Amino acid sequence: MSPFITRGLLMGSSLGVFAALSGLVDNMARAFILGMIAGGLAGFTLARLRRGRPPLD
């Protein structure tokens, strides 16, 4: 797995937990999973941009 994707998963999940702790989301597990999904997609996008290939249409 690319380090960009791993970093995105970790940052996204931690931001999801912070959102749940601050009261923005009522369910901790849902916030954690949604954060991981968003972070994984962000890491995937960054990895594709770093490779120099054009993004998917």
PDB file of N, CA and C in Angstrom:
ATOM      1  N   MET A   1       0.850  -1.172   0.000  1.00  0.00           N
ATOM      2  CA  MET A   1       0.000   0.000   0.000  1.00  0.00           C
ATOM      3  C   MET A   1       0.896   1.235   0.000  1.00  0.00           C
ATOM      4  N   SER A   2       0.497   2.224  -0.742  1.00  0.00           N
ATOM      5  CA  SER A   2       1.260   3.453  -0.866  1.00  0.00           C
ATOM      6  C   SER A   2       1.297   4.204   0.473  1.00  0.00           C
ATOM      7  N   PRO A   3       2.423   4.847   0.772  1.00  0.00           N
ATOM      8  CA  PRO A   3       2.465   5.614   2.021  1.00  0.00           C
ATOM      9  C   PRO A   3       1.488   6.787   2.017  1.00  0.00           C
ATOM     10  N   PHE A   4       1.141   7.281   0.830  1.00  0.00           N
ATOM     11  CA  PHE A   4       0.164   8.360   0.757  1.00  0.00           C
ATOM     12  C   PHE A   4      -1.209   7.886   1.220  1.00  0.00           C
ATOM     13  N   ILE A   5      -1.585   6.681   0.813  1.00  0.00           N
ATOM     14  CA  ILE A   5      -2.888   6.138   1.197  1.00  0.00           C
ATOM     15  C   ILE A   5      -2.910   5.832   2.691  1.00  0.00           C
ATOM     16  N   THR A   6      -1.820   5.258   3.204  1.00  0.00           N
ATOM     17  CA  THR A   6      -1.746   4.966   4.636  1.00  0.00           C
ATOM     18  C   THR A   6      -1.839   6.247   5.459  1.00  0.00           C
ATOM     19  N   ARG A   7      -1.120   7.250   5.040  1.00  0.00           N
ATOM     20  CA  ARG A   7      -1.163   8.538   5.741  1.00  0.00           C
ATOM     21  C   ARG A   7      -2.556   9.147   5.670  1.00  0.00           C
ATOM     22  N   GLY A   8      -3.202   9.048   4.523  1.00  0.00           N
ATOM     23  CA  GLY A   8      -4.556   9.562   4.379  1.00  0.00           C
ATOM     24  C   GLY A   8      -5.548   8.828   5.267  1.00  0.00           C
ATOM     25  N   LEU A   9      -5.411   7.496   5.358  1.00  0.00           N
ATOM     26  CA  LEU A   9      -6.296   6.723   6.229  1.00  0.00           C
ATOM     27  C   LEU A   9      -6.131   7.132   7.692  1.00  0.00           C
ATOM     28  N   LEU A  10      -4.893   7.288   8.123  1.00  0.00           N
ATOM     29  CA  LEU A  10      -4.650   7.660   9.522  1.00  0.00           C
ATOM     30  C   LEU A  10      -5.157   9.065   9.836  1.00  0.00           C
ATOM     31  N   MET A  11      -4.885  10.014   8.960  1.00  0.00           N
ATOM     32  CA  MET A  11      -5.347  11.379   9.212  1.00  0.00           C
ATOM     33  C   MET A  11      -6.864  11.489   9.122  1.00  0.00           C
ATOM     34  N   GLY A  12      -7.450  10.811   8.151  1.00  0.00           N
ATOM     35  CA  GLY A  12      -8.899  10.867   8.002  1.00  0.00           C
ATOM     36  C   GLY A  12      -9.627  10.253   9.178  1.00  0.00           C
ATOM     37  N   SER A  13      -9.136   9.114   9.659  1.00  0.00           N
ATOM     38  CA  SER A  13      -9.795   8.480  10.799  1.00  0.00           C
ATOM     39  C   SER A  13      -9.645   9.313  12.061  1.00  0.00           C
ATOM     40  N   SER A  14      -8.492   9.934  12.248  1.00  0.00           N
ATOM     41  CA  SER A  14      -8.329  10.773  13.437  1.00  0.00           C
ATOM     42  C   SER A  14      -9.204  12.026  13.354  1.00  0.00           C
ATOM     43  N   LEU A  15      -9.372  12.581  12.169  1.00  0.00           N
ATOM     44  CA  LEU A  15     -10.275  13.724  12.037  1.00  0.00           C
ATOM     45  C   LEU A  15     -11.721  13.316  12.276  1.00  0.00           C
ATOM     46  N   GLY A  16     -12.084  12.115  11.873  1.00  0.00           N
ATOM     47  CA  GLY A  16     -13.422  11.610  12.158  1.00  0.00           C
ATOM     48  C   GLY A  16     -13.663  11.458  13.648  1.00  0.00           C
ATOM     49  N   VAL A  17     -12.669  10.958  14.357  1.00  0.00           N
ATOM     50  CA  VAL A  17     -12.798  10.813  15.815  1.00  0.00           C
ATOM     51  C   VAL A  17     -12.907  12.182  16.472  1.00  0.00           C
ATOM     52  N   PHE A  18     -12.108  13.142  16.031  1.00  0.00           N
ATOM     53  CA  PHE A  18     -12.211  14.499  16.582  1.00  0.00           C
ATOM     54  C   PHE A  18     -13.582  15.102  16.311  1.00  0.00           C
ATOM     55  N   ALA A  19     -14.141  14.831  15.145  1.00  0.00           N
ATOM     56  CA  ALA A  19     -15.480  15.335  14.832  1.00  0.00           C
ATOM     57  C   ALA A  19     -16.520  14.724  15.763  1.00  0.00           C
ATOM     58  N   ALA A  20     -16.361  13.437  16.075  1.00  0.00           N
ATOM     59  CA  ALA A  20     -17.301  12.775  16.988  1.00  0.00           C
ATOM     60  C   ALA A  20     -17.136  13.302  18.412  1.00  0.00           C
ATOM     61  N   LEU A  21     -15.905  13.520  18.837  1.00  0.00           N
ATOM     62  CA  LEU A  21     -15.674  14.018  20.186  1.00  0.00           C
ATOM     63  C   LEU A  21     -16.150  15.457  20.368  1.00  0.00           C
ATOM     64  N   SER A  22     -16.099  16.242  19.303  1.00  0.00           N
ATOM     65  CA  SER A  22     -16.553  17.633  19.401  1.00  0.00           C
ATOM     66  C   SER A  22     -18.063  17.767  19.250  1.00  0.00           C
ATOM     67  N   GLY A  23     -18.740  16.680  18.908  1.00  0.00           N
ATOM     68  CA  GLY A  23     -20.192  16.714  18.831  1.00  0.00           C
ATOM     69  C   GLY A  23     -20.757  16.964  17.450  1.00  0.00           C
ATOM     70  N   LEU A  24     -19.919  16.986  16.435  1.00  0.00           N
ATOM     71  CA  LEU A  24     -20.413  17.211  15.073  1.00  0.00           C
ATOM     72  C   LEU A  24     -21.120  15.982  14.515  1.00  0.00           C
ATOM     73  N   VAL A  25     -20.705  14.798  14.956  1.00  0.00           N
ATOM     74  CA  VAL A  25     -21.296  13.529  14.517  1.00  0.00           C
ATOM     75  C   VAL A  25     -21.713  12.780  15.774  1.00  0.00           C
ATOM     76  N   ASP A  26     -22.875  12.161  15.734  1.00  0.00           N
ATOM     77  CA  ASP A  26     -23.392  11.511  16.936  1.00  0.00           C
ATOM     78  C   ASP A  26     -22.895  10.092  17.144  1.00  0.00           C
ATOM     79  N   ASN A  27     -22.286   9.483  16.148  1.00  0.00           N
ATOM     80  CA  ASN A  27     -21.845   8.095  16.248  1.00  0.00           C
ATOM     81  C   ASN A  27     -20.347   8.027  15.984  1.00  0.00           C
ATOM     82  N   MET A  28     -19.571   7.553  16.964  1.00  0.00           N
ATOM     83  CA  MET A  28     -18.114   7.511  16.850  1.00  0.00           C
ATOM     84  C   MET A  28     -17.668   6.559  15.741  1.00  0.00           C
ATOM     85  N   ALA A  29     -18.290   5.393  15.650  1.00  0.00           N
ATOM     86  CA  ALA A  29     -17.881   4.420  14.631  1.00  0.00           C
ATOM     87  C   ALA A  29     -18.151   4.953  13.224  1.00  0.00           C
ATOM     88  N   ARG A  30     -19.291   5.592  13.033  1.00  0.00           N
ATOM     89  CA  ARG A  30     -19.614   6.155  11.716  1.00  0.00           C
ATOM     90  C   ARG A  30     -18.631   7.253  11.332  1.00  0.00           C
ATOM     91  N   ALA A  31     -18.278   8.102  12.282  1.00  0.00           N
ATOM     92  CA  ALA A  31     -17.321   9.175  12.007  1.00  0.00           C
ATOM     93  C   ALA A  31     -15.958   8.604  11.666  1.00  0.00           C
ATOM     94  N   PHE A  32     -15.544   7.550  12.369  1.00  0.00           N
ATOM     95  CA  PHE A  32     -14.262   6.896  12.118  1.00  0.00           C
ATOM     96  C   PHE A  32     -14.219   6.305  10.711  1.00  0.00           C
ATOM     97  N   ILE A  33     -15.265   5.583  10.333  1.00  0.00           N
ATOM     98  CA  ILE A  33     -15.312   4.950   9.011  1.00  0.00           C
ATOM     99  C   ILE A  33     -15.385   5.995   7.898  1.00  0.00           C
ATOM    100  N   LEU A  34     -16.224   7.013   8.065  1.00  0.00           N
ATOM    101  CA  LEU A  34     -16.316   8.053   7.037  1.00  0.00           C
ATOM    102  C   LEU A  34     -15.001   8.813   6.901  1.00  0.00           C
ATOM    103  N   GLY A  35     -14.326   9.045   8.018  1.00  0.00           N
ATOM    104  CA  GLY A  35     -13.017   9.685   7.961  1.00  0.00           C
ATOM    105  C   GLY A  35     -11.998   8.836   7.234  1.00  0.00           C
ATOM    106  N   MET A  36     -12.051   7.512   7.466  1.00  0.00           N
ATOM    107  CA  MET A  36     -11.127   6.620   6.767  1.00  0.00           C
ATOM    108  C   MET A  36     -11.399   6.601   5.267  1.00  0.00           C
ATOM    109  N   ILE A  37     -12.659   6.611   4.890  1.00  0.00           N
ATOM    110  CA  ILE A  37     -12.998   6.617   3.463  1.00  0.00           C
ATOM    111  C   ILE A  37     -12.509   7.904   2.811  1.00  0.00           C
ATOM    112  N   ALA A  38     -12.787   9.028   3.436  1.00  0.00           N
ATOM    113  CA  ALA A  38     -12.364  10.315   2.872  1.00  0.00           C
ATOM    114  C   ALA A  38     -10.843  10.424   2.831  1.00  0.00           C
ATOM    115  N   GLY A  39     -10.171   9.987   3.883  1.00  0.00           N
ATOM    116  CA  GLY A  39      -8.715  10.026   3.903  1.00  0.00           C
ATOM    117  C   GLY A  39      -8.093   9.093   2.884  1.00  0.00           C
ATOM    118  N   GLY A  40      -8.678   7.915   2.715  1.00  0.00           N
ATOM    119  CA  GLY A  40      -8.175   6.980   1.707  1.00  0.00           C
ATOM    120  C   GLY A  40      -8.307   7.529   0.302  1.00  0.00           C
ATOM    121  N   LEU A  41      -9.435   8.153   0.027  1.00  0.00           N
ATOM    122  CA  LEU A  41      -9.614   8.761  -1.301  1.00  0.00           C
ATOM    123  C   LEU A  41      -8.663   9.931  -1.513  1.00  0.00           C
ATOM    124  N   ALA A  42      -8.434  10.717  -0.476  1.00  0.00           N
ATOM    125  CA  ALA A  42      -7.482  11.826  -0.594  1.00  0.00           C
ATOM    126  C   ALA A  42      -6.065  11.303  -0.817  1.00  0.00           C
ATOM    127  N   GLY A  43      -5.690  10.246  -0.103  1.00  0.00           N
ATOM    128  CA  GLY A  43      -4.367   9.656  -0.295  1.00  0.00           C
ATOM    129  C   GLY A  43      -4.210   9.048  -1.671  1.00  0.00           C
ATOM    130  N   PHE A  44      -5.259   8.394  -2.162  1.00  0.00           N
ATOM    131  CA  PHE A  44      -5.218   7.829  -3.503  1.00  0.00           C
ATOM    132  C   PHE A  44      -5.049   8.928  -4.553  1.00  0.00           C
ATOM    133  N   THR A  45      -5.774  10.019  -4.385  1.00  0.00           N
ATOM    134  CA  THR A  45      -5.660  11.142  -5.318  1.00  0.00           C
ATOM    135  C   THR A  45      -4.260  11.734  -5.288  1.00  0.00           C
ATOM    136  N   LEU A  46      -3.713  11.925  -4.095  1.00  0.00           N
ATOM    137  CA  LEU A  46      -2.367  12.485  -3.991  1.00  0.00           C
ATOM    138  C   LEU A  46      -1.327  11.544  -4.601  1.00  0.00           C
ATOM    139  N   ALA A  47      -1.487  10.256  -4.406  1.00  0.00           N
ATOM    140  CA  ALA A  47      -0.546   9.291  -4.987  1.00  0.00           C
ATOM    141  C   ALA A  47      -0.603   9.334  -6.514  1.00  0.00           C
ATOM    142  N   ARG A  48      -1.809   9.463  -7.062  1.00  0.00           N
ATOM    143  CA  ARG A  48      -1.924   9.542  -8.528  1.00  0.00           C
ATOM    144  C   ARG A  48      -1.309  10.829  -9.059  1.00  0.00           C
ATOM    145  N   LEU A  49      -1.485  11.926  -8.355  1.00  0.00           N
ATOM    146  CA  LEU A  49      -0.894  13.181  -8.806  1.00  0.00           C
ATOM    147  C   LEU A  49       0.625  13.155  -8.715  1.00  0.00           C
ATOM    148  N   ARG A  50       1.158  12.486  -7.727  1.00  0.00           N
ATOM    149  CA  ARG A  50       2.609  12.401  -7.571  1.00  0.00           C
ATOM    150  C   ARG A  50       3.247  11.527  -8.634  1.00  0.00           C
ATOM    151  N   ARG A  51       2.514  10.570  -9.176  1.00  0.00           N
ATOM    152  CA  ARG A  51       3.051   9.719 -10.235  1.00  0.00           C
ATOM    153  C   ARG A  51       3.131  10.435 -11.561  1.00  0.00           C
ATOM    154  N   GLY A  52       2.411  11.517 -11.713  1.00  0.00           N
ATOM    155  CA  GLY A  52       2.482  12.277 -12.949  1.00  0.00           C
ATOM    156  C   GLY A  52       1.454  11.868 -13.984  1.00  0.00           C
ATOM    157  N   ARG A  53       0.596  10.939 -13.648  1.00  0.00           N
ATOM    158  CA  ARG A  53      -0.448  10.530 -14.588  1.00  0.00           C
ATOM    159  C   ARG A  53      -1.625  11.473 -14.449  1.00  0.00           C
ATOM    160  N   PRO A  54      -2.380  11.655 -15.525  1.00  0.00           N
ATOM    161  CA  PRO A  54      -3.568  12.509 -15.402  1.00  0.00           C
ATOM    162  C   PRO A  54      -4.639  11.827 -14.530  1.00  0.00           C
ATOM    163  N   PRO A  55      -5.419  12.610 -13.813  1.00  0.00           N
ATOM    164  CA  PRO A  55      -6.468  12.009 -12.958  1.00  0.00           C
ATOM    165  C   PRO A  55      -7.550  11.334 -13.789  1.00  0.00           C
ATOM    166  N   LEU A  56      -8.267  10.431 -13.131  1.00  0.00           N
ATOM    167  CA  LEU A  56      -9.350   9.723 -13.814  1.00  0.00           C
ATOM    168  C   LEU A  56     -10.462  10.680 -14.200  1.00  0.00           C
ATOM    169  N   ASP A  57     -11.065  10.437 -15.363  1.00  0.00           N
ATOM    170  CA  ASP A  57     -12.204  11.280 -15.788  1.00  0.00           C
ATOM    171  C   ASP A  57     -13.499  10.710 -15.305  1.00  0.00           C
TER     172      ASP A  57
END
